[in-house]
Amino acid sequence: MKKITCLLAVATLLFTSCSSSDDTDNNSNVVLPTKFVQTYPSGQIYGGTVEYDGNKLKKITDIEDNKEYSLYFYTGDLITKIESYYDGNLDYLTTYEYNTNKQLVKEIETDIAAKKVDMLTTYVYNANQTVSEKRIEYSSSNTEYITNKTYTLVNGEISKIVTDDAIETYIYDSKNSPFKNVLGFDKIYELIESYGSKSILIENKREYTYQSTTSNSGRKLKYTYNQAGYPTFGEGEDYYNDNIEETFTYTFEYNQ
């Protein structure tokens, strides 16, 4: 299931059942991705097939193994729980909490087999339109590893991320993110870091300093779009110090 989460996040309940039809829009006139695949020259692939209840995520199944899948649960129009299954068994549980402005404030990831919290992430919304993230990861011995990020948002899109040792900038095309119409997708930062909230991400650049040496890395993407302005095929490259390290392709299929 980590393969699906990584791709969506590259590639994350207070209710006990999936979203009801009472608060779900009919998806017959809404463009939604039904399949996404990332392929490397080695033949390695990541991706999934997507099922919906209206325009709410219901299930994402691994493209290679149908016993690996994630179930999505909502409270209203917000994703509040994701159950990740491996070999047909519940493996990880991720819960999300929001403030009264429908902004994400807490994310908890629990390892079901180990019966322990693996990661706790909190978000604070600042007056200067930035968002402060504090992430605590717990080792098997419960040692805490803490990292901090600051997001700068412009029109709902991430434009910059600052960490203790790096600055990342994000560049978008004017076309649509494939997940633009999926309810709740734009509230979870790990998801919109990969594709964008409404507009499609075409490059992220990272500059960081270690022992007085500055380096750079990043990802560039070039997409082909359908008539509605959604990506159907993409070519990508990961680079380090301006040298290409790896290439890959993306494909997307939609409900219309």
Protein backbone atom coordinates (compact mmCIF):
# COMPACT_ATOMS: atom_id res chain seq x y z
CA MET A 1 0.00 0.00 0.00
CA LYS A 2 2.96 2.28 0.52
CA LYS A 3 3.41 2.26 -3.27
CA ILE A 4 -0.01 3.88 -3.74
CA THR A 5 0.48 6.34 -0.89
CA CYS A 6 3.90 7.31 -2.25
CA LEU A 7 2.56 8.01 -5.73
CA LEU A 8 -0.37 10.04 -4.49
CA ALA A 9 1.76 11.84 -2.05
CA VAL A 10 4.86 12.13 -4.27
CA ALA A 11 2.58 10.00 -4.37
CA THR A 12 -2.27 9.34 3.83
CA LEU A 13 -12.12 7.98 11.14
CA LEU A 14 -14.41 9.66 13.07
CA PHE A 15 -17.09 7.95 10.95
CA THR A 16 -17.46 4.18 10.87
CA SER A 17 -18.64 3.95 7.25
CA CYS A 18 -17.90 5.49 3.86
CA SER A 19 -19.52 8.75 2.79
CA SER A 20 -23.27 8.75 2.29
CA SER A 21 -25.04 9.74 -0.92
CA ASP A 22 -26.79 12.59 0.95
CA ASP A 23 -23.67 14.77 0.89
CA THR A 24 -21.99 13.39 -2.23
CA ASP A 25 -22.19 15.10 -5.62
CA ASN A 26 -23.11 13.03 -8.65
CA ASN A 27 -19.87 12.50 -10.59
CA SER A 28 -21.49 12.01 -14.02
CA ASN A 29 -20.53 15.56 -15.08
CA VAL A 30 -17.28 15.82 -13.11
CA VAL A 31 -13.88 14.76 -14.47
CA LEU A 32 -12.26 12.24 -12.09
CA PRO A 33 -9.14 10.07 -12.55
CA THR A 34 -9.90 6.35 -12.54
CA LYS A 35 -6.38 5.01 -13.08
CA PHE A 36 -2.87 6.43 -12.67
CA VAL A 37 0.45 4.72 -13.43
CA GLN A 38 4.06 5.81 -12.98
CA THR A 39 6.50 3.69 -15.02
CA TYR A 40 10.31 3.55 -14.89
CA PRO A 41 12.67 2.29 -17.64
CA SER A 42 13.45 -0.76 -15.49
CA GLY A 43 9.81 -1.81 -15.84
CA GLN A 44 8.99 -0.94 -12.24
CA ILE A 45 5.54 0.59 -11.94
CA TYR A 46 3.53 2.33 -9.23
CA GLY A 47 -0.10 3.26 -9.43
CA GLY A 48 -3.68 2.35 -8.79
CA THR A 49 -7.25 2.17 -9.92
CA VAL A 50 -9.67 4.57 -8.24
CA GLU A 51 -13.28 4.10 -7.15
CA TYR A 52 -15.62 6.88 -6.03
CA ASP A 53 -18.85 7.59 -4.22
CA GLY A 54 -19.90 10.63 -6.23
CA ASN A 55 -16.74 12.74 -6.27
CA LYS A 56 -15.47 11.37 -2.96
CA LEU A 57 -12.64 8.88 -2.92
CA LYS A 58 -13.85 5.42 -1.93
CA LYS A 59 -11.05 2.98 -2.74
CA ILE A 60 -7.65 2.93 -4.45
CA THR A 61 -6.32 -0.50 -5.41
CA ASP A 62 -2.68 -1.19 -6.24
CA ILE A 63 -2.13 -1.66 -9.97
CA GLU A 64 -0.15 -4.88 -9.44
CA ASP A 65 -1.78 -6.48 -6.40
CA ASN A 66 -5.50 -6.24 -5.65
CA LYS A 67 -4.84 -7.30 -2.04
CA GLU A 68 -3.12 -3.94 -1.51
CA TYR A 69 -5.64 -1.13 -1.32
CA SER A 70 -6.77 1.93 0.64
CA LEU A 71 -10.28 2.76 1.82
CA TYR A 72 -11.24 6.42 2.27
CA PHE A 73 -13.73 7.75 4.81
CA TYR A 74 -15.26 11.22 5.04
CA THR A 75 -16.99 13.47 7.52
CA GLY A 76 -18.98 15.83 5.29
CA ASP A 77 -16.61 16.81 2.46
CA LEU A 78 -13.37 16.18 4.40
CA ILE A 79 -11.23 13.05 4.36
CA THR A 80 -10.97 11.98 7.99
CA LYS A 81 -9.63 8.43 7.79
CA ILE A 82 -7.65 6.23 5.40
CA GLU A 83 -7.35 2.48 6.02
CA SER A 84 -4.41 0.91 4.16
CA TYR A 85 -4.48 -2.83 3.56
CA TYR A 86 -1.60 -5.17 2.71
CA ASP A 87 -2.25 -8.76 1.62
CA GLY A 88 -5.90 -8.15 2.47
CA ASN A 89 -5.18 -7.20 6.09
CA LEU A 90 -5.40 -3.77 7.69
CA ASP A 91 -1.81 -2.52 7.85
CA TYR A 92 -1.87 1.22 8.55
CA LEU A 93 -4.51 3.65 9.76
CA THR A 94 -4.23 7.38 9.07
CA THR A 95 -6.63 9.86 10.66
CA TYR A 96 -7.05 13.56 9.92
CA GLU A 97 -8.46 16.35 12.09
CA TYR A 98 -9.55 19.83 10.95
CA ASN A 99 -10.38 23.19 12.50
CA THR A 100 -13.66 25.07 12.07
CA ASN A 101 -12.28 26.63 8.85
CA LYS A 102 -11.88 23.12 7.37
CA GLN A 103 -8.09 23.39 7.55
CA LEU A 104 -6.01 20.32 8.39
CA VAL A 105 -4.55 20.59 11.90
CA LYS A 106 -3.49 17.05 12.81
CA GLU A 107 -2.53 13.80 11.06
CA ILE A 108 -1.87 10.55 12.93
CA GLU A 109 -0.44 7.42 11.30
CA THR A 110 -0.78 4.17 13.25
CA ASP A 111 0.96 0.86 12.58
CA ILE A 112 -1.80 -1.67 13.24
CA ALA A 113 0.43 -4.75 13.65
CA ALA A 114 2.79 -2.97 16.03
CA LYS A 115 -0.14 -1.30 17.82
CA LYS A 116 1.71 2.01 17.96
CA VAL A 117 1.63 5.48 16.47
CA ASP A 118 4.37 5.81 13.86
CA MET A 119 3.93 9.47 13.07
CA LEU A 120 2.16 12.55 14.43
CA THR A 121 1.97 15.72 12.34
CA THR A 122 0.44 19.04 13.43
CA TYR A 123 -0.24 22.20 11.41
CA VAL A 124 -0.47 25.84 12.55
CA TYR A 125 -1.89 28.58 10.28
CA ASN A 126 0.03 31.84 10.52
CA ALA A 127 -1.09 35.40 9.88
CA ASN A 128 1.34 35.78 6.93
CA GLN A 129 -0.41 33.05 4.90
CA THR A 130 2.18 30.41 5.76
CA VAL A 131 1.52 27.06 7.42
CA SER A 132 3.90 25.57 10.00
CA GLU A 133 4.20 21.80 10.09
CA LYS A 134 5.75 19.81 12.95
CA ARG A 135 6.23 16.10 12.37
CA ILE A 136 7.21 13.61 15.06
CA GLU A 137 8.26 10.15 13.89
CA TYR A 138 8.56 7.38 16.48
CA SER A 139 11.09 4.57 16.17
CA SER A 140 10.44 1.01 17.34
CA SER A 141 11.93 2.04 20.69
CA ASN A 142 9.72 5.18 20.73
CA THR A 143 12.64 7.53 20.11
CA GLU A 144 11.28 10.78 18.67
CA TYR A 145 12.60 12.29 15.42
CA ILE A 146 11.25 15.80 14.87
CA THR A 147 11.20 17.72 11.59
CA ASN A 148 9.71 21.11 10.78
CA LYS A 149 8.41 22.65 7.55
CA THR A 150 6.88 25.97 6.59
CA TYR A 151 4.54 26.08 3.60
CA THR A 152 3.87 29.25 1.64
CA LEU A 153 0.52 29.11 -0.17
CA VAL A 154 -0.58 31.21 -3.16
CA ASN A 155 -4.21 30.81 -4.27
CA GLY A 156 -4.37 27.45 -2.53
CA GLU A 157 -1.24 26.08 -4.19
CA ILE A 158 2.07 25.38 -2.46
CA SER A 159 4.61 27.85 -3.83
CA LYS A 160 7.45 27.23 -1.38
CA ILE A 161 8.46 24.87 1.42
CA VAL A 162 11.21 25.81 3.89
CA THR A 163 12.85 23.22 6.15
CA ASP A 164 15.81 23.44 8.53
CA ASP A 165 18.30 22.89 5.70
CA ALA A 166 16.46 23.39 2.41
CA ILE A 167 14.15 25.56 0.34
CA GLU A 168 11.80 24.01 -2.20
CA THR A 169 9.96 26.00 -4.87
CA TYR A 170 6.96 24.76 -6.88
CA ILE A 171 6.03 25.73 -10.45
CA TYR A 172 2.65 25.06 -12.08
CA ASP A 173 1.11 24.98 -15.53
CA SER A 174 -2.25 26.67 -16.11
CA LYS A 175 -3.85 23.27 -16.85
CA ASN A 176 -5.79 21.13 -14.37
CA SER A 177 -4.48 18.85 -11.65
CA PRO A 178 -5.85 15.32 -12.29
CA PHE A 179 -7.33 15.29 -8.76
CA LYS A 180 -8.82 18.80 -8.99
CA ASN A 181 -12.41 17.62 -8.56
CA VAL A 182 -11.84 15.03 -5.81
CA LEU A 183 -13.43 16.27 -2.60
CA GLY A 184 -10.99 16.76 0.27
CA PHE A 185 -7.86 16.17 -1.82
CA ASP A 186 -6.83 19.84 -1.64
CA LYS A 187 -6.83 19.82 2.18
CA ILE A 188 -4.00 17.29 2.64
CA TYR A 189 -0.55 18.75 2.02
CA GLU A 190 1.23 15.48 1.25
CA LEU A 191 -1.20 14.89 -1.61
CA ILE A 192 -1.07 18.32 -3.22
CA GLU A 193 2.74 18.36 -3.03
CA SER A 194 2.70 15.71 -5.77
CA TYR A 195 0.20 17.07 -8.29
CA GLY A 196 -1.05 20.46 -7.17
CA SER A 197 -4.41 21.39 -5.72
CA LYS A 198 -6.19 22.84 -8.77
CA SER A 199 -3.37 23.49 -11.25
CA ILE A 200 -0.92 20.82 -12.41
CA LEU A 201 2.57 20.80 -10.87
CA ILE A 202 5.33 20.76 -13.52
CA GLU A 203 8.46 21.30 -11.43
CA ASN A 204 9.71 21.37 -7.87
CA LYS A 205 13.24 22.55 -7.12
CA ARG A 206 15.11 21.94 -3.87
CA GLU A 207 18.24 23.77 -2.73
CA TYR A 208 19.92 22.68 0.47
CA THR A 209 23.12 23.26 2.38
CA TYR A 210 25.19 20.64 4.19
CA GLN A 211 28.51 21.48 5.85
CA SER A 212 28.74 24.75 3.89
CA THR A 213 28.14 23.00 0.55
CA THR A 214 25.04 23.96 -1.43
CA SER A 215 23.39 21.41 -3.70
CA ASN A 216 20.18 21.20 -5.69
CA SER A 217 17.75 18.50 -6.71
CA GLY A 218 14.27 18.34 -8.12
CA ARG A 219 11.74 16.96 -10.53
CA LYS A 220 10.59 18.26 -13.93
CA LEU A 221 7.42 17.12 -15.69
CA LYS A 222 6.07 17.67 -19.19
CA TYR A 223 2.46 16.67 -19.83
CA THR A 224 0.14 16.00 -22.75
CA TYR A 225 -3.44 17.13 -22.03
CA ASN A 226 -6.89 16.13 -23.22
CA GLN A 227 -9.40 18.64 -24.59
CA ALA A 228 -10.67 19.41 -21.10
CA GLY A 229 -7.16 20.37 -19.95
CA TYR A 230 -6.39 17.32 -17.81
CA PRO A 231 -3.07 15.43 -18.15
CA THR A 232 -3.20 12.06 -19.90
CA PHE A 233 0.52 11.39 -20.37
CA GLY A 234 3.61 12.82 -18.75
CA GLU A 235 7.37 12.51 -19.01
CA GLY A 236 9.40 13.23 -15.92
CA GLU A 237 12.97 13.44 -14.76
CA ASP A 238 14.57 13.60 -11.33
CA TYR A 239 17.81 15.54 -11.19
CA TYR A 240 20.64 16.19 -8.74
CA ASN A 241 23.03 19.13 -9.17
CA ASP A 242 21.48 19.67 -12.62
CA ASN A 243 22.32 16.12 -13.75
CA ILE A 244 19.47 13.76 -14.64
CA GLU A 245 19.38 10.85 -12.19
CA GLU A 246 16.22 9.03 -13.29
CA THR A 247 13.42 9.28 -15.85
CA PHE A 248 9.84 7.97 -15.80
CA THR A 249 6.43 8.39 -17.39
CA TYR A 250 2.93 9.04 -16.05
CA THR A 251 -0.38 7.98 -17.56
CA PHE A 252 -3.86 8.95 -16.39
CA GLU A 253 -7.29 7.65 -17.31
CA TYR A 254 -10.56 9.41 -16.45
CA ASN A 255 -14.26 8.66 -16.12
CA GLN A 256 -14.98 10.79 -19.21
